[in-house]
Amino acid sequence: MLTVVRCLYRPGGADARLSIRDVHLEYMIANRNSLEQGGALMDEDGTVKGMFLILRGNRAEVDSLMANEPYTRAGLFEATTIECFDRFVPHADPRFLEKLLIAAREWIAMNLRNTCSRV
């Protein structure tokens, strides 16, 4: 299972992170088996405003990883969201999107047919 974690810094949090960035990076390295992707969230002007992670593991594992994450422990985040993620692209099946398209068209045809027959 993949989980998306989006963390936004509190005012001053982005600057405060710099003094413990080495500890954060050590933590990420130690937990790299759980990391699918990650990086900084930025405004259009390049200002860092948060952190984005895609993590492998169940919800309890993700919650534990985030509770022990150095930036979290330092109180740098104003808001954090954690959501399950069903990745479509890239997908192990190279024809996944085409199959999804066929299923979507079949669903639409069935539902439109049923809707039209009720009118």
C-alpha atoms as a PDB file:
ATOM      1  CA  MET A   1       0.000   0.000   0.000  1.00  0.00           C
ATOM      2  CA  LEU A   2       1.185   3.506  -0.780  1.00  0.00           C
ATOM      3  CA  THR A   3       0.424   6.540   1.344  1.00  0.00           C
ATOM      4  CA  VAL A   4       0.778  10.211   0.480  1.00  0.00           C
ATOM      5  CA  VAL A   5       1.974  12.505   3.259  1.00  0.00           C
ATOM      6  CA  ARG A   6       1.789  16.260   2.751  1.00  0.00           C
ATOM      7  CA  CYS A   7       3.278  18.487   5.441  1.00  0.00           C
ATOM      8  CA  LEU A   8       3.137  22.283   5.428  1.00  0.00           C
ATOM      9  CA  TYR A   9       5.542  24.275   7.578  1.00  0.00           C
ATOM     10  CA  ARG A  10       4.299  26.598  10.284  1.00  0.00           C
ATOM     11  CA  PRO A  11       5.458  30.226   9.964  1.00  0.00           C
ATOM     12  CA  GLY A  12       9.231  30.134  10.389  1.00  0.00           C
ATOM     13  CA  GLY A  13       9.287  26.334  10.132  1.00  0.00           C
ATOM     14  CA  ALA A  14      11.043  26.200   6.774  1.00  0.00           C
ATOM     15  CA  ASP A  15      13.926  28.264   8.130  1.00  0.00           C
ATOM     16  CA  ALA A  16      13.997  26.383  11.443  1.00  0.00           C
ATOM     17  CA  ARG A  17      14.371  23.063   9.598  1.00  0.00           C
ATOM     18  CA  LEU A  18      17.837  24.010   8.382  1.00  0.00           C
ATOM     19  CA  SER A  19      19.428  23.550  11.815  1.00  0.00           C
ATOM     20  CA  ILE A  20      18.249  19.912  11.984  1.00  0.00           C
ATOM     21  CA  ARG A  21      18.255  19.048   8.299  1.00  0.00           C
ATOM     22  CA  ASP A  22      21.149  16.628   8.802  1.00  0.00           C
ATOM     23  CA  VAL A  23      19.118  14.682  11.404  1.00  0.00           C
ATOM     24  CA  HIS A  24      16.114  14.636   9.043  1.00  0.00           C
ATOM     25  CA  LEU A  25      18.272  13.322   6.198  1.00  0.00           C
ATOM     26  CA  GLU A  26      19.804  10.640   8.428  1.00  0.00           C
ATOM     27  CA  TYR A  27      16.266   9.585   9.380  1.00  0.00           C
ATOM     28  CA  MET A  28      15.192   9.424   5.734  1.00  0.00           C
ATOM     29  CA  ILE A  29      18.272   7.344   4.876  1.00  0.00           C
ATOM     30  CA  ALA A  30      17.572   4.960   7.775  1.00  0.00           C
ATOM     31  CA  ASN A  31      13.970   4.589   6.553  1.00  0.00           C
ATOM     32  CA  ARG A  32      14.639   4.521   2.823  1.00  0.00           C
ATOM     33  CA  ASN A  33      12.926   1.128   2.474  1.00  0.00           C
ATOM     34  CA  SER A  34       9.641   2.898   3.285  1.00  0.00           C
ATOM     35  CA  LEU A  35      10.251   5.798   0.877  1.00  0.00           C
ATOM     36  CA  GLU A  36       8.763   5.591  -2.591  1.00  0.00           C
ATOM     37  CA  GLN A  37       9.229   9.292  -3.378  1.00  0.00           C
ATOM     38  CA  GLY A  38       9.754  12.507  -1.510  1.00  0.00           C
ATOM     39  CA  GLY A  39      10.770  16.093  -1.769  1.00  0.00           C
ATOM     40  CA  ALA A  40      10.070  19.708  -0.962  1.00  0.00           C
ATOM     41  CA  LEU A  41       6.816  21.494  -1.681  1.00  0.00           C
ATOM     42  CA  MET A  42       7.550  24.933  -3.073  1.00  0.00           C
ATOM     43  CA  ASP A  43       5.768  28.127  -4.028  1.00  0.00           C
ATOM     44  CA  GLU A  44       6.166  29.361  -7.600  1.00  0.00           C
ATOM     45  CA  ASP A  45       8.961  31.683  -6.474  1.00  0.00           C
ATOM     46  CA  GLY A  46      10.967  28.724  -5.125  1.00  0.00           C
ATOM     47  CA  THR A  47      10.175  29.309  -1.441  1.00  0.00           C
ATOM     48  CA  VAL A  48      10.033  25.990   0.431  1.00  0.00           C
ATOM     49  CA  LYS A  49       6.624  25.592   2.059  1.00  0.00           C
ATOM     50  CA  GLY A  50       6.506  21.940   3.020  1.00  0.00           C
ATOM     51  CA  MET A  51       7.408  18.320   2.459  1.00  0.00           C
ATOM     52  CA  PHE A  52       5.758  15.659   0.286  1.00  0.00           C
ATOM     53  CA  LEU A  53       6.297  11.937   0.705  1.00  0.00           C
ATOM     54  CA  ILE A  54       4.922   8.797  -0.866  1.00  0.00           C
ATOM     55  CA  LEU A  55       5.515   5.985   1.623  1.00  0.00           C
ATOM     56  CA  ARG A  56       5.198   2.197   1.498  1.00  0.00           C
ATOM     57  CA  GLY A  57       3.526   0.472   4.412  1.00  0.00           C
ATOM     58  CA  ASN A  58       0.274   0.257   6.303  1.00  0.00           C
ATOM     59  CA  ARG A  59      -1.241   3.193   8.158  1.00  0.00           C
ATOM     60  CA  ALA A  60       0.243   2.210  11.535  1.00  0.00           C
ATOM     61  CA  GLU A  61       3.737   2.054   9.990  1.00  0.00           C
ATOM     62  CA  VAL A  62       3.295   5.424   8.291  1.00  0.00           C
ATOM     63  CA  ASP A  63       1.950   7.011  11.487  1.00  0.00           C
ATOM     64  CA  SER A  64       4.941   5.671  13.425  1.00  0.00           C
ATOM     65  CA  LEU A  65       7.436   6.834  10.806  1.00  0.00           C
ATOM     66  CA  MET A  66       5.915  10.324  10.763  1.00  0.00           C
ATOM     67  CA  ALA A  67       5.634  10.571  14.569  1.00  0.00           C
ATOM     68  CA  ASN A  68       9.367   9.924  14.844  1.00  0.00           C
ATOM     69  CA  GLU A  69      10.363  12.118  11.878  1.00  0.00           C
ATOM     70  CA  PRO A  70      12.689  14.891  13.149  1.00  0.00           C
ATOM     71  CA  TYR A  71      10.780  17.799  11.581  1.00  0.00           C
ATOM     72  CA  THR A  72       7.544  16.485  13.096  1.00  0.00           C
ATOM     73  CA  ARG A  73       9.167  16.018  16.504  1.00  0.00           C
ATOM     74  CA  ALA A  74      10.523  19.583  16.326  1.00  0.00           C
ATOM     75  CA  GLY A  75       7.015  20.928  15.706  1.00  0.00           C
ATOM     76  CA  LEU A  76       7.880  22.444  12.328  1.00  0.00           C
ATOM     77  CA  PHE A  77       4.614  21.532  10.602  1.00  0.00           C
ATOM     78  CA  GLU A  78       1.440  23.565  10.765  1.00  0.00           C
ATOM     79  CA  ALA A  79      -0.592  20.932   8.931  1.00  0.00           C
ATOM     80  CA  THR A  80      -0.078  17.320   7.892  1.00  0.00           C
ATOM     81  CA  THR A  81      -2.373  15.188   5.751  1.00  0.00           C
ATOM     82  CA  ILE A  82      -2.022  11.438   5.281  1.00  0.00           C
ATOM     83  CA  GLU A  83      -4.007   9.648   2.573  1.00  0.00           C
ATOM     84  CA  CYS A  84      -3.972   6.259   0.865  1.00  0.00           C
ATOM     85  CA  PHE A  85      -2.748   6.370  -2.711  1.00  0.00           C
ATOM     86  CA  ASP A  86      -3.604   4.003  -5.568  1.00  0.00           C
ATOM     87  CA  ARG A  87      -0.937   4.686  -8.175  1.00  0.00           C
ATOM     88  CA  PHE A  88      -2.087   4.477 -11.778  1.00  0.00           C
ATOM     89  CA  VAL A  89       1.061   5.900 -13.426  1.00  0.00           C
ATOM     90  CA  PRO A  90       3.546   4.382 -13.681  1.00  0.00           C
ATOM     91  CA  HIS A  91       1.830   1.005 -13.294  1.00  0.00           C
ATOM     92  CA  ALA A  92       3.207  -2.540 -13.431  1.00  0.00           C
ATOM     93  CA  ASP A  93       0.720  -3.279 -16.223  1.00  0.00           C
ATOM     94  CA  PRO A  94       1.715  -1.108 -19.214  1.00  0.00           C
ATOM     95  CA  ARG A  95      -1.882  -1.308 -20.530  1.00  0.00           C
ATOM     96  CA  PHE A  96      -3.477  -0.328 -17.207  1.00  0.00           C
ATOM     97  CA  LEU A  97      -4.780   3.060 -18.384  1.00  0.00           C
ATOM     98  CA  GLU A  98      -6.262   1.543 -21.539  1.00  0.00           C
ATOM     99  CA  LYS A  99      -8.049  -1.100 -19.432  1.00  0.00           C
ATOM    100  CA  LEU A 100      -9.254   1.616 -17.070  1.00  0.00           C
ATOM    101  CA  LEU A 101     -10.602   3.564 -20.063  1.00  0.00           C
ATOM    102  CA  ILE A 102     -12.540   0.541 -21.318  1.00  0.00           C
ATOM    103  CA  ALA A 103     -14.011  -0.051 -17.848  1.00  0.00           C
ATOM    104  CA  ALA A 104     -14.966   3.636 -17.555  1.00  0.00           C
ATOM    105  CA  ARG A 105     -16.725   3.598 -20.928  1.00  0.00           C
ATOM    106  CA  GLU A 106     -18.566   0.387 -20.022  1.00  0.00           C
ATOM    107  CA  TRP A 107     -19.698   1.932 -16.716  1.00  0.00           C
ATOM    108  CA  ILE A 108     -20.864   5.104 -18.470  1.00  0.00           C
ATOM    109  CA  ALA A 109     -22.758   3.129 -21.112  1.00  0.00           C
ATOM    110  CA  MET A 110     -24.497   0.984 -18.468  1.00  0.00           C
ATOM    111  CA  ASN A 111     -25.422   3.946 -16.303  1.00  0.00           C
ATOM    112  CA  LEU A 112     -26.591   6.121 -19.195  1.00  0.00           C
ATOM    113  CA  ARG A 113     -28.660   3.229 -20.527  1.00  0.00           C
ATOM    114  CA  ASN A 114     -30.216   2.718 -17.083  1.00  0.00           C
ATOM    115  CA  THR A 115     -30.814   6.448 -16.633  1.00  0.00           C
ATOM    116  CA  CYS A 116     -32.403   6.808 -20.084  1.00  0.00           C
ATOM    117  CA  SER A 117     -34.666   3.815 -19.551  1.00  0.00           C
ATOM    118  CA  ARG A 118     -36.050   5.374 -16.337  1.00  0.00           C
ATOM    119  CA  VAL A 119     -37.054   8.611 -18.067  1.00  0.00           C
END
